[in-house]
Amino acid sequence: MVVHGASGEGELSHMTDVTTSSGPGHVRLVPDDESDKFELRLQHAVSGFVDGPRAAVEEADQVVEAIVARFAETVRERRRTLRTSWQDTEEKADTERLRLALRDYRELAERLLHI
């Protein structure tokens, strides 16, 4: 995914190096290393259920809360990058830059709707 900055040259978003099983071009909202940590935390909660059911459910709730917070942070950062691509230019954004921004917004919205 290419984000066009104020200079008009393509700049790679920091998230472009992370792909999903859907193939290149699909950016994961949580990188693999963080996802693995969340999965380990959730496994820990599940495995502790027999000895402490309430604590296990509380831990699972905390994991989900952390995942949601990470998603929200990633989406906020992506929106900030997208806004910069067309709002923070001293010159009027040309039609091509606006078209690319709209394409990137549409892609982000579609991905969020299919989580």
Foldseek 3Di string as FASTA:
>chain_A
DWFQAQVRDTDDDPQQVAADPVDHPHGDLDHPVVVVVLVVQLVVLVVCCVVPVVVSVVSNVVSVVVVVVSSVVSVVVVVVSLCRQQPVHPDHDDPVSVVVSVVSVVVVVVVVVVD
